[in-house]
N, C-alpha and C. Protein backbone atom coordinates (compact mmCIF):
# COMPACT_ATOMS: atom_id res chain seq x y z
N MET A 1 0.49 -13.13 31.19
CA MET A 1 -0.65 -14.50 31.05
C MET A 1 -2.26 -14.37 30.74
N ARG A 2 -2.47 -13.56 32.13
CA ARG A 2 -3.83 -13.39 31.71
C ARG A 2 -4.74 -12.77 30.76
N GLN A 3 -3.57 -12.01 29.79
CA GLN A 3 -4.00 -11.08 28.23
C GLN A 3 -4.00 -12.53 27.44
N ARG A 4 -3.49 -13.60 27.24
CA ARG A 4 -3.44 -14.32 26.40
C ARG A 4 -4.43 -15.72 27.05
N LEU A 5 -4.35 -15.80 28.23
CA LEU A 5 -6.18 -16.91 28.40
C LEU A 5 -6.55 -15.87 27.79
N LEU A 6 -7.16 -15.15 27.50
CA LEU A 6 -8.65 -14.39 27.62
C LEU A 6 -8.06 -14.17 25.66
N TYR A 7 -7.47 -13.86 24.98
CA TYR A 7 -7.04 -13.97 24.19
C TYR A 7 -7.62 -15.70 23.58
N ALA A 8 -7.36 -16.70 24.20
CA ALA A 8 -7.51 -18.38 23.99
C ALA A 8 -9.42 -18.43 24.09
N LEU A 9 -9.13 -17.88 25.16
CA LEU A 9 -10.76 -18.06 25.18
C LEU A 9 -11.75 -17.46 24.27
N ALA A 10 -11.18 -16.19 24.18
CA ALA A 10 -11.83 -15.44 23.02
C ALA A 10 -12.55 -16.26 21.15
N ALA A 11 -11.46 -17.10 21.63
CA ALA A 11 -11.20 -18.49 20.20
C ALA A 11 -12.98 -19.91 20.69
N ALA A 12 -13.06 -19.30 21.95
CA ALA A 12 -13.73 -20.09 22.15
C ALA A 12 -15.27 -20.00 20.74
N PRO A 13 -15.94 -18.84 20.36
CA PRO A 13 -17.14 -18.24 19.85
C PRO A 13 -16.71 -19.21 18.05
N GLY A 14 -15.56 -18.75 18.16
CA GLY A 14 -14.44 -19.66 16.95
C GLY A 14 -15.34 -21.28 16.47
N ILE A 15 -14.70 -21.77 18.17
CA ILE A 15 -14.65 -23.13 17.58
C ILE A 15 -15.96 -23.62 17.93
N ALA A 16 -17.00 -23.14 18.36
CA ALA A 16 -18.04 -23.10 18.39
C ALA A 16 -19.21 -23.05 17.32
N LEU A 17 -18.21 -21.97 16.40
CA LEU A 17 -19.32 -21.60 15.23
C LEU A 17 -18.43 -22.24 13.86
N PHE A 18 -17.00 -23.12 13.75
CA PHE A 18 -16.32 -24.24 13.43
C PHE A 18 -17.71 -25.96 12.91
N PHE A 19 -17.50 -25.90 14.88
CA PHE A 19 -17.91 -27.03 14.63
C PHE A 19 -19.29 -27.07 14.75
N GLY A 20 -20.21 -26.32 14.63
CA GLY A 20 -21.60 -27.01 14.78
C GLY A 20 -21.76 -26.10 12.99
N ALA A 21 -21.14 -25.06 11.99
CA ALA A 21 -21.29 -25.30 11.02
C ALA A 21 -20.94 -26.63 10.17
N ALA A 22 -19.75 -27.12 10.63
CA ALA A 22 -19.62 -28.23 9.88
C ALA A 22 -20.15 -29.55 10.09
N LEU A 23 -21.07 -29.60 11.39
CA LEU A 23 -21.63 -30.50 11.46
C LEU A 23 -23.23 -30.40 11.24
N LEU A 24 -23.95 -29.04 10.50
CA LEU A 24 -25.14 -28.74 10.28
C LEU A 24 -24.16 -29.03 8.73
N GLY A 25 -23.40 -28.70 8.44
CA GLY A 25 -23.06 -29.02 6.57
C GLY A 25 -22.96 -30.48 6.41
N ALA A 26 -22.74 -31.06 7.45
CA ALA A 26 -22.81 -32.61 6.57
C ALA A 26 -24.25 -33.30 6.71
N TRP A 27 -25.40 -32.85 7.89
CA TRP A 27 -25.85 -33.19 8.21
C TRP A 27 -26.82 -32.44 6.13
N ALA A 28 -26.35 -31.37 6.00
CA ALA A 28 -27.24 -31.06 4.51
C ALA A 28 -26.48 -31.46 3.66
N ASP A 29 -25.81 -32.11 3.44
CA ASP A 29 -24.87 -32.76 1.97
C ASP A 29 -25.68 -34.60 1.95
N ASP A 30 -26.05 -34.63 3.82
CA ASP A 30 -26.84 -36.12 3.64
C ASP A 30 -28.35 -35.98 2.83
N HIS A 31 -29.29 -34.89 3.28
CA HIS A 31 -30.41 -34.36 3.04
C HIS A 31 -30.63 -34.01 1.99
N ARG A 32 -29.27 -33.27 1.02
CA ARG A 32 -29.81 -32.70 -0.47
C ARG A 32 -29.64 -31.30 -0.07
N HIS A 33 -29.26 -30.86 1.05
CA HIS A 33 -29.41 -28.95 1.56
C HIS A 33 -28.88 -28.53 0.41
N ILE A 34 -28.22 -28.56 -0.62
CA ILE A 34 -27.20 -27.90 -1.63
C ILE A 34 -27.19 -26.29 -0.98
N TRP A 35 -27.89 -25.52 -1.08
CA TRP A 35 -27.61 -23.98 -0.42
C TRP A 35 -27.57 -23.46 1.08
N LEU A 36 -27.29 -24.66 2.09
CA LEU A 36 -27.00 -25.50 3.56
C LEU A 36 -25.97 -24.79 3.41
N SER A 37 -25.24 -26.48 2.51
CA SER A 37 -24.21 -26.57 2.44
C SER A 37 -23.14 -25.68 2.40
N ARG A 38 -23.90 -24.95 1.44
CA ARG A 38 -22.57 -23.85 0.82
C ARG A 38 -22.44 -23.36 1.65
N ALA A 39 -23.54 -22.79 2.70
CA ALA A 39 -23.66 -21.52 3.76
C ALA A 39 -22.80 -22.08 5.01
N CYS A 40 -22.80 -23.33 5.32
CA CYS A 40 -21.54 -24.15 5.92
C CYS A 40 -20.72 -23.82 5.88
N ILE A 41 -20.26 -24.00 4.22
CA ILE A 41 -18.54 -24.02 4.17
C ILE A 41 -17.90 -22.48 4.64
N MET A 42 -19.06 -21.29 3.79
CA MET A 42 -19.05 -19.84 5.00
C MET A 42 -18.71 -19.54 6.82
N GLY A 43 -19.73 -20.59 6.90
CA GLY A 43 -19.63 -20.09 8.22
C GLY A 43 -18.34 -21.19 9.24
N VAL A 44 -17.36 -22.79 8.08
CA VAL A 44 -16.72 -23.28 8.81
C VAL A 44 -15.36 -22.43 8.77
N SER A 45 -15.23 -21.62 7.71
CA SER A 45 -13.69 -20.69 7.22
C SER A 45 -14.25 -19.44 7.64
N VAL A 46 -15.22 -18.94 8.48
CA VAL A 46 -15.78 -17.74 9.16
C VAL A 46 -15.00 -18.12 10.94
N GLY A 47 -15.30 -19.21 11.16
CA GLY A 47 -14.73 -19.93 12.34
C GLY A 47 -13.69 -19.97 12.02
N LEU A 48 -13.23 -20.06 11.47
CA LEU A 48 -11.02 -21.19 11.18
C LEU A 48 -10.91 -19.56 11.25
N VAL A 49 -11.00 -18.22 10.63
CA VAL A 49 -10.47 -17.11 10.98
C VAL A 49 -10.74 -16.49 12.08
N VAL A 50 -11.62 -16.54 12.82
CA VAL A 50 -11.97 -15.95 14.57
C VAL A 50 -10.72 -16.96 15.46
N VAL A 51 -10.62 -17.99 15.22
CA VAL A 51 -10.22 -19.58 15.61
C VAL A 51 -8.59 -19.24 15.32
N GLY A 52 -8.10 -18.62 14.75
CA GLY A 52 -6.69 -18.10 14.24
C GLY A 52 -6.08 -17.57 14.32
N GLY A 53 -6.78 -16.10 14.58
CA GLY A 53 -6.61 -15.30 14.92
C GLY A 53 -6.23 -14.33 15.88
N SER A 54 -7.68 -15.18 17.00
CA SER A 54 -7.47 -15.02 18.68
C SER A 54 -5.80 -16.09 19.08
N ILE A 55 -5.75 -17.38 18.38
CA ILE A 55 -4.20 -17.55 19.23
C ILE A 55 -3.38 -16.97 18.07
N LEU A 56 -3.63 -16.41 17.15
CA LEU A 56 -2.30 -15.84 16.57
C LEU A 56 -1.95 -14.88 17.90
N LEU A 57 -2.94 -13.99 17.92
CA LEU A 57 -2.83 -12.63 19.27
C LEU A 57 -2.48 -13.49 20.33
N ALA A 58 -3.33 -14.49 21.02
CA ALA A 58 -2.43 -15.25 22.10
C ALA A 58 -1.22 -15.49 22.13
N ILE A 59 -0.13 -16.05 20.85
CA ILE A 59 0.88 -17.17 20.87
C ILE A 59 1.99 -15.64 20.95
N THR A 60 1.33 -14.56 19.95
CA THR A 60 2.69 -13.22 19.05
C THR A 60 3.04 -12.43 20.69
N PRO A 61 4.25 -12.66 20.55
CA PRO A 61 5.29 -11.61 21.53
C PRO A 61 4.78 -10.13 21.85
N ARG A 62 4.21 -9.46 23.48
CA ARG A 62 4.24 -8.29 23.03
C ARG A 62 4.78 -6.91 22.55
N ALA A 63 6.13 -7.71 22.16
CA ALA A 63 6.41 -6.29 21.61
C ALA A 63 6.20 -6.55 19.79
N TRP A 64 5.79 -7.49 19.55
CA TRP A 64 5.23 -7.44 18.02
C TRP A 64 4.16 -7.72 17.41
N ARG A 65 2.67 -7.43 18.99
CA ARG A 65 1.82 -6.79 18.84
C ARG A 65 1.23 -5.10 18.57
N ARG A 66 2.44 -4.77 19.60
CA ARG A 66 2.82 -2.87 19.65
C ARG A 66 3.26 -2.62 18.53
N PHE A 67 3.92 -3.40 17.51
CA PHE A 67 4.81 -2.88 16.57
C PHE A 67 3.71 -2.98 15.44
N VAL A 68 2.87 -4.31 15.62
CA VAL A 68 1.30 -4.49 14.37
C VAL A 68 0.54 -2.73 15.02
N PHE A 69 0.24 -3.73 16.30
CA PHE A 69 -1.39 -3.17 16.05
C PHE A 69 -0.53 -0.95 17.32
N PRO A 70 -0.78 -0.71 16.51
CA PRO A 70 0.45 0.78 17.07
C PRO A 70 -0.55 1.60 18.00
N ARG A 71 -0.51 2.04 19.14
CA ARG A 71 -1.29 2.94 19.39
C ARG A 71 -1.57 4.40 18.51
N TRP A 72 -2.62 4.82 19.34
CA TRP A 72 -2.82 5.99 18.08
C TRP A 72 -2.13 6.90 19.52
N PRO A 73 -2.09 8.48 18.83
CA PRO A 73 -1.44 9.34 19.94
C PRO A 73 -2.44 9.81 21.12
N GLU A 74 -3.70 9.57 20.28
CA GLU A 74 -4.71 10.91 21.12
C GLU A 74 -5.21 9.62 21.98
N GLY A 75 -4.88 8.40 21.82
CA GLY A 75 -5.70 7.75 22.84
C GLY A 75 -6.26 6.35 22.00
N GLN A 76 -6.48 5.99 22.37
CA GLN A 76 -8.01 4.83 21.46
C GLN A 76 -9.01 5.01 21.16
N ASP A 77 -9.66 6.18 21.51
CA ASP A 77 -10.52 6.45 20.94
C ASP A 77 -10.82 7.46 19.87
N GLY A 78 -9.58 8.13 19.85
CA GLY A 78 -9.33 9.41 19.75
C GLY A 78 -9.80 9.72 17.88
N LEU A 79 -9.38 8.48 17.09
CA LEU A 79 -10.36 8.37 15.64
C LEU A 79 -11.94 9.05 15.88
N PHE A 80 -12.73 8.43 16.94
CA PHE A 80 -14.22 9.25 16.75
C PHE A 80 -14.28 10.60 18.07
N ASP A 81 -13.83 11.12 18.44
CA ASP A 81 -14.24 12.07 19.00
C ASP A 81 -13.03 13.01 18.22
N ARG A 82 -12.75 12.90 17.16
CA ARG A 82 -11.90 13.91 16.73
C ARG A 82 -13.38 14.65 16.09
N ARG A 83 -13.23 16.28 15.86
CA ARG A 83 -14.41 17.17 15.62
C ARG A 83 -13.80 17.57 14.16
N MET A 84 -14.46 18.01 13.73
CA MET A 84 -14.18 18.37 12.25
C MET A 84 -15.09 19.41 11.74
N LYS A 85 -14.39 21.06 11.59
CA LYS A 85 -15.01 21.50 10.94
C LYS A 85 -15.34 22.37 9.54
N LEU A 86 -16.77 22.13 9.50
CA LEU A 86 -17.71 22.33 8.48
C LEU A 86 -16.78 23.76 7.54
N PRO A 87 -16.81 23.56 6.60
CA PRO A 87 -16.62 24.95 5.83
C PRO A 87 -17.70 25.34 5.45
N ASP A 88 -17.68 26.55 5.19
CA ASP A 88 -18.81 27.78 5.23
C ASP A 88 -19.86 27.43 4.15
N ASP A 89 -19.33 27.46 3.09
CA ASP A 89 -20.14 26.55 2.19
C ASP A 89 -20.59 25.84 1.90
N TRP A 90 -21.16 24.40 2.79
CA TRP A 90 -21.21 23.48 3.13
C TRP A 90 -22.68 23.34 2.99
N ARG A 91 -23.18 24.25 2.93
CA ARG A 91 -24.88 24.17 2.42
C ARG A 91 -25.08 24.59 1.18
N ARG A 92 -24.61 24.77 0.47
CA ARG A 92 -24.89 25.06 -1.07
C ARG A 92 -24.96 23.56 -1.80
């Protein structure tokens, strides 16, 4: 329950971005600022993606999330902690 609430709260910045970009885009259309209006269209679409993704993660069952986002065998940070040995002739 708490995890779903956190996902829903994560949608709040997306909602703010969506409505802020929509209001600014409406103002830009009225004052004929074409470049700002087009940038606001991008802001609205990014806001929708953030809101949609957060709400989708909030309503999907935990079993589905485990299937879509499986844990790495080494843990969450295993990809970044992995050390690679360079070949002996790497300075050529």
